[in-house]
Amino acid sequence: MGNGAAPSRAALGRLTAEEAALYEALGNDTYGPSVRLEQELIRWDWALERLHPAG
């Protein structure tokens, strides 16, 4: 969790009800100004190298 630029306003239609509520709360500054959650970034080249042998 951190602070960042303007929140995303993208339409995210595949979220659960709980995820959608959190996404909306973050966009409305419910937890403070410009609060955001981040996922770990996994580079595609790294992931594909490891997935390819698995078939």
PDB file of N, CA and C in Angstrom:
ATOM      1  N   MET A   1       0.844  -1.163   0.000  1.00  0.00           N
ATOM      2  CA  MET A   1       0.000   0.000   0.000  1.00  0.00           C
ATOM      3  C   MET A   1       0.892   1.228   0.000  1.00  0.00           C
ATOM      4  N   GLY A   2       0.537   2.194  -0.783  1.00  0.00           N
ATOM      5  CA  GLY A   2       1.330   3.406  -0.856  1.00  0.00           C
ATOM      6  C   GLY A   2       0.498   4.530  -1.423  1.00  0.00           C
ATOM      7  N   ASN A   3       1.155   5.637  -1.721  1.00  0.00           N
ATOM      8  CA  ASN A   3       0.476   6.766  -2.343  1.00  0.00           C
ATOM      9  C   ASN A   3       1.000   6.919  -3.752  1.00  0.00           C
ATOM     10  N   GLY A   4       0.128   7.342  -4.643  1.00  0.00           N
ATOM     11  CA  GLY A   4       0.556   7.483  -6.020  1.00  0.00           C
ATOM     12  C   GLY A   4      -0.209   8.567  -6.730  1.00  0.00           C
ATOM     13  N   ALA A   5      -0.093   8.526  -8.018  1.00  0.00           N
ATOM     14  CA  ALA A   5      -0.760   9.507  -8.870  1.00  0.00           C
ATOM     15  C   ALA A   5      -2.269   9.283  -8.830  1.00  0.00           C
ATOM     16  N   ALA A   6      -2.968   9.970  -9.683  1.00  0.00           N
ATOM     17  CA  ALA A   6      -4.423   9.857  -9.746  1.00  0.00           C
ATOM     18  C   ALA A   6      -4.833   8.392  -9.885  1.00  0.00           C
ATOM     19  N   PRO A   7      -5.886   7.990  -9.180  1.00  0.00           N
ATOM     20  CA  PRO A   7      -6.307   6.588  -9.235  1.00  0.00           C
ATOM     21  C   PRO A   7      -6.851   6.203 -10.607  1.00  0.00           C
ATOM     22  N   SER A   8      -6.753   4.937 -10.898  1.00  0.00           N
ATOM     23  CA  SER A   8      -7.291   4.411 -12.148  1.00  0.00           C
ATOM     24  C   SER A   8      -8.810   4.476 -12.121  1.00  0.00           C
ATOM     25  N   ARG A   9      -9.382   4.752 -13.268  1.00  0.00           N
ATOM     26  CA  ARG A   9     -10.843   4.761 -13.402  1.00  0.00           C
ATOM     27  C   ARG A   9     -11.279   3.717 -14.428  1.00  0.00           C
ATOM     28  N   ALA A  10     -10.414   2.741 -14.683  1.00  0.00           N
ATOM     29  CA  ALA A  10     -10.710   1.701 -15.673  1.00  0.00           C
ATOM     30  C   ALA A  10     -11.892   0.860 -15.212  1.00  0.00           C
ATOM     31  N   ALA A  11     -12.681   0.401 -16.165  1.00  0.00           N
ATOM     32  CA  ALA A  11     -13.796  -0.497 -15.862  1.00  0.00           C
ATOM     33  C   ALA A  11     -13.242  -1.907 -15.689  1.00  0.00           C
ATOM     34  N   LEU A  12     -13.417  -2.473 -14.519  1.00  0.00           N
ATOM     35  CA  LEU A  12     -12.889  -3.799 -14.217  1.00  0.00           C
ATOM     36  C   LEU A  12     -14.060  -4.742 -13.965  1.00  0.00           C
ATOM     37  N   GLY A  13     -14.525  -5.387 -14.995  1.00  0.00           N
ATOM     38  CA  GLY A  13     -15.727  -6.198 -14.928  1.00  0.00           C
ATOM     39  C   GLY A  13     -15.558  -7.598 -14.376  1.00  0.00           C
ATOM     40  N   ARG A  14     -14.334  -8.009 -14.075  1.00  0.00           N
ATOM     41  CA  ARG A  14     -14.122  -9.384 -13.615  1.00  0.00           C
ATOM     42  C   ARG A  14     -13.808  -9.474 -12.129  1.00  0.00           C
ATOM     43  N   LEU A  15     -14.097  -8.402 -11.378  1.00  0.00           N
ATOM     44  CA  LEU A  15     -13.834  -8.402  -9.941  1.00  0.00           C
ATOM     45  C   LEU A  15     -15.005  -9.016  -9.187  1.00  0.00           C
ATOM     46  N   THR A  16     -14.702  -9.592  -8.028  1.00  0.00           N
ATOM     47  CA  THR A  16     -15.774 -10.034  -7.145  1.00  0.00           C
ATOM     48  C   THR A  16     -16.425  -8.784  -6.557  1.00  0.00           C
ATOM     49  N   ALA A  17     -17.544  -8.954  -5.882  1.00  0.00           N
ATOM     50  CA  ALA A  17     -18.227  -7.814  -5.264  1.00  0.00           C
ATOM     51  C   ALA A  17     -17.313  -7.124  -4.247  1.00  0.00           C
ATOM     52  N   GLU A  18     -16.583  -7.915  -3.469  1.00  0.00           N
ATOM     53  CA  GLU A  18     -15.682  -7.357  -2.464  1.00  0.00           C
ATOM     54  C   GLU A  18     -14.528  -6.596  -3.114  1.00  0.00           C
ATOM     55  N   GLU A  19     -13.956  -7.161  -4.174  1.00  0.00           N
ATOM     56  CA  GLU A  19     -12.866  -6.491  -4.888  1.00  0.00           C
ATOM     57  C   GLU A  19     -13.353  -5.198  -5.524  1.00  0.00           C
ATOM     58  N   ALA A  20     -14.551  -5.229  -6.104  1.00  0.00           N
ATOM     59  CA  ALA A  20     -15.114  -4.032  -6.741  1.00  0.00           C
ATOM     60  C   ALA A  20     -15.353  -2.934  -5.708  1.00  0.00           C
ATOM     61  N   ALA A  21     -15.826  -3.317  -4.520  1.00  0.00           N
ATOM     62  CA  ALA A  21     -16.051  -2.334  -3.460  1.00  0.00           C
ATOM     63  C   ALA A  21     -14.740  -1.689  -3.024  1.00  0.00           C
ATOM     64  N   LEU A  22     -13.690  -2.492  -2.897  1.00  0.00           N
ATOM     65  CA  LEU A  22     -12.384  -1.952  -2.527  1.00  0.00           C
ATOM     66  C   LEU A  22     -11.847  -1.042  -3.619  1.00  0.00           C
ATOM     67  N   TYR A  23     -11.975  -1.463  -4.869  1.00  0.00           N
ATOM     68  CA  TYR A  23     -11.508  -0.655  -6.004  1.00  0.00           C
ATOM     69  C   TYR A  23     -12.217   0.705  -6.009  1.00  0.00           C
ATOM     70  N   GLU A  24     -13.520   0.700  -5.783  1.00  0.00           N
ATOM     71  CA  GLU A  24     -14.281   1.941  -5.742  1.00  0.00           C
ATOM     72  C   GLU A  24     -13.845   2.814  -4.566  1.00  0.00           C
ATOM     73  N   ALA A  25     -13.643   2.196  -3.400  1.00  0.00           N
ATOM     74  CA  ALA A  25     -13.208   2.944  -2.215  1.00  0.00           C
ATOM     75  C   ALA A  25     -11.850   3.592  -2.441  1.00  0.00           C
ATOM     76  N   LEU A  26     -10.931   2.872  -3.071  1.00  0.00           N
ATOM     77  CA  LEU A  26      -9.615   3.441  -3.357  1.00  0.00           C
ATOM     78  C   LEU A  26      -9.737   4.621  -4.319  1.00  0.00           C
ATOM     79  N   GLY A  27     -10.608   4.486  -5.323  1.00  0.00           N
ATOM     80  CA  GLY A  27     -10.811   5.565  -6.287  1.00  0.00           C
ATOM     81  C   GLY A  27     -11.482   6.782  -5.693  1.00  0.00           C
ATOM     82  N   ASN A  28     -12.241   6.583  -4.608  1.00  0.00           N
ATOM     83  CA  ASN A  28     -12.940   7.695  -3.952  1.00  0.00           C
ATOM     84  C   ASN A  28     -12.172   8.260  -2.758  1.00  0.00           C
ATOM     85  N   ASP A  29     -10.921   7.846  -2.587  1.00  0.00           N
ATOM     86  CA  ASP A  29     -10.059   8.315  -1.486  1.00  0.00           C
ATOM     87  C   ASP A  29     -10.616   7.983  -0.106  1.00  0.00           C
ATOM     88  N   THR A  30     -11.349   6.881   0.012  1.00  0.00           N
ATOM     89  CA  THR A  30     -11.913   6.458   1.301  1.00  0.00           C
ATOM     90  C   THR A  30     -10.820   6.234   2.339  1.00  0.00           C
ATOM     91  N   TYR A  31      -9.666   5.736   1.933  1.00  0.00           N
ATOM     92  CA  TYR A  31      -8.578   5.412   2.856  1.00  0.00           C
ATOM     93  C   TYR A  31      -7.515   6.505   2.918  1.00  0.00           C
ATOM     94  N   GLY A  32      -7.785   7.634   2.297  1.00  0.00           N
ATOM     95  CA  GLY A  32      -6.847   8.743   2.262  1.00  0.00           C
ATOM     96  C   GLY A  32      -6.601   9.153   0.823  1.00  0.00           C
ATOM     97  N   PRO A  33      -5.982  10.298   0.628  1.00  0.00           N
ATOM     98  CA  PRO A  33      -5.755  10.784  -0.735  1.00  0.00           C
ATOM     99  C   PRO A  33      -4.734   9.935  -1.496  1.00  0.00           C
ATOM    100  N   SER A  34      -5.124   9.512  -2.664  1.00  0.00           N
ATOM    101  CA  SER A  34      -4.234   8.806  -3.599  1.00  0.00           C
ATOM    102  C   SER A  34      -3.635   7.514  -3.050  1.00  0.00           C
ATOM    103  N   VAL A  35      -4.350   6.832  -2.146  1.00  0.00           N
ATOM    104  CA  VAL A  35      -3.875   5.544  -1.634  1.00  0.00           C
ATOM    105  C   VAL A  35      -4.058   4.505  -2.733  1.00  0.00           C
ATOM    106  N   ARG A  36      -3.061   3.646  -2.915  1.00  0.00           N
ATOM    107  CA  ARG A  36      -3.165   2.588  -3.919  1.00  0.00           C
ATOM    108  C   ARG A  36      -2.580   1.301  -3.369  1.00  0.00           C
ATOM    109  N   LEU A  37      -3.022   0.199  -3.942  1.00  0.00           N
ATOM    110  CA  LEU A  37      -2.475  -1.115  -3.619  1.00  0.00           C
ATOM    111  C   LEU A  37      -1.678  -1.576  -4.826  1.00  0.00           C
ATOM    112  N   GLU A  38      -0.590  -2.262  -4.588  1.00  0.00           N
ATOM    113  CA  GLU A  38       0.232  -2.736  -5.692  1.00  0.00           C
ATOM    114  C   GLU A  38       0.420  -4.239  -5.603  1.00  0.00           C
ATOM    115  N   GLN A  39       0.475  -4.859  -6.765  1.00  0.00           N
ATOM    116  CA  GLN A  39       0.828  -6.267  -6.863  1.00  0.00           C
ATOM    117  C   GLN A  39       2.307  -6.342  -7.172  1.00  0.00           C
ATOM    118  N   GLU A  40       2.880  -7.487  -6.903  1.00  0.00           N
ATOM    119  CA  GLU A  40       4.254  -7.696  -7.330  1.00  0.00           C
ATOM    120  C   GLU A  40       4.271  -7.765  -8.854  1.00  0.00           C
ATOM    121  N   LEU A  41       5.256  -7.173  -9.458  1.00  0.00           N
ATOM    122  CA  LEU A  41       5.402  -7.218 -10.901  1.00  0.00           C
ATOM    123  C   LEU A  41       6.206  -8.453 -11.279  1.00  0.00           C
ATOM    124  N   ILE A  42       5.647  -9.274 -12.117  1.00  0.00           N
ATOM    125  CA  ILE A  42       6.361 -10.431 -12.639  1.00  0.00           C
ATOM    126  C   ILE A  42       6.562 -10.192 -14.132  1.00  0.00           C
ATOM    127  N   ARG A  43       7.806 -10.135 -14.545  1.00  0.00           N
ATOM    128  CA  ARG A  43       8.104  -9.882 -15.959  1.00  0.00           C
ATOM    129  C   ARG A  43       7.653 -11.068 -16.806  1.00  0.00           C
ATOM    130  N   TRP A  44       7.070 -10.778 -17.984  1.00  0.00           N
ATOM    131  CA  TRP A  44       6.587 -11.828 -18.872  1.00  0.00           C
ATOM    132  C   TRP A  44       7.719 -12.739 -19.337  1.00  0.00           C
ATOM    133  N   ASP A  45       8.877 -12.206 -19.633  1.00  0.00           N
ATOM    134  CA  ASP A  45       9.969 -13.059 -20.104  1.00  0.00           C
ATOM    135  C   ASP A  45      10.357 -14.071 -19.025  1.00  0.00           C
ATOM    136  N   TRP A  46      10.380 -13.647 -17.769  1.00  0.00           N
ATOM    137  CA  TRP A  46      10.704 -14.543 -16.655  1.00  0.00           C
ATOM    138  C   TRP A  46       9.632 -15.623 -16.515  1.00  0.00           C
ATOM    139  N   ALA A  47       8.350 -15.215 -16.564  1.00  0.00           N
ATOM    140  CA  ALA A  47       7.251 -16.167 -16.386  1.00  0.00           C
ATOM    141  C   ALA A  47       7.192 -17.164 -17.547  1.00  0.00           C
ATOM    142  N   LEU A  48       7.319 -16.689 -18.773  1.00  0.00           N
ATOM    143  CA  LEU A  48       7.216 -17.563 -19.925  1.00  0.00           C
ATOM    144  C   LEU A  48       8.346 -18.595 -19.963  1.00  0.00           C
ATOM    145  N   GLU A  49       9.534 -18.183 -19.536  1.00  0.00           N
ATOM    146  CA  GLU A  49      10.661 -19.129 -19.475  1.00  0.00           C
ATOM    147  C   GLU A  49      10.320 -20.309 -18.563  1.00  0.00           C
ATOM    148  N   ARG A  50       9.630 -20.035 -17.496  1.00  0.00           N
ATOM    149  CA  ARG A  50       9.320 -21.077 -16.518  1.00  0.00           C
ATOM    150  C   ARG A  50       8.051 -21.859 -16.864  1.00  0.00           C
ATOM    151  N   LEU A  51       7.150 -21.242 -17.581  1.00  0.00           N
ATOM    152  CA  LEU A  51       5.913 -21.912 -17.970  1.00  0.00           C
ATOM    153  C   LEU A  51       6.101 -22.821 -19.174  1.00  0.00           C
ATOM    154  N   HIS A  52       6.958 -22.464 -20.094  1.00  0.00           N
ATOM    155  CA  HIS A  52       7.139 -23.218 -21.329  1.00  0.00           C
ATOM    156  C   HIS A  52       7.487 -24.682 -21.064  1.00  0.00           C
ATOM    157  N   PRO A  53       8.463 -24.983 -20.194  1.00  0.00           N
ATOM    158  CA  PRO A  53       8.769 -26.409 -19.955  1.00  0.00           C
ATOM    159  C   PRO A  53       7.587 -27.187 -19.361  1.00  0.00           C
ATOM    160  N   ALA A  54       6.681 -26.492 -18.680  1.00  0.00           N
ATOM    161  CA  ALA A  54       5.536 -27.170 -18.082  1.00  0.00           C
ATOM    162  C   ALA A  54       4.497 -27.539 -19.130  1.00  0.00           C
ATOM    163  N   GLY A  55       4.629 -27.005 -20.329  1.00  0.00           N
ATOM    164  CA  GLY A  55       3.719 -27.372 -21.406  1.00  0.00           C
ATOM    165  C   GLY A  55       2.602 -26.437 -21.527  1.00  0.00           C
TER     166      GLY A  55
END
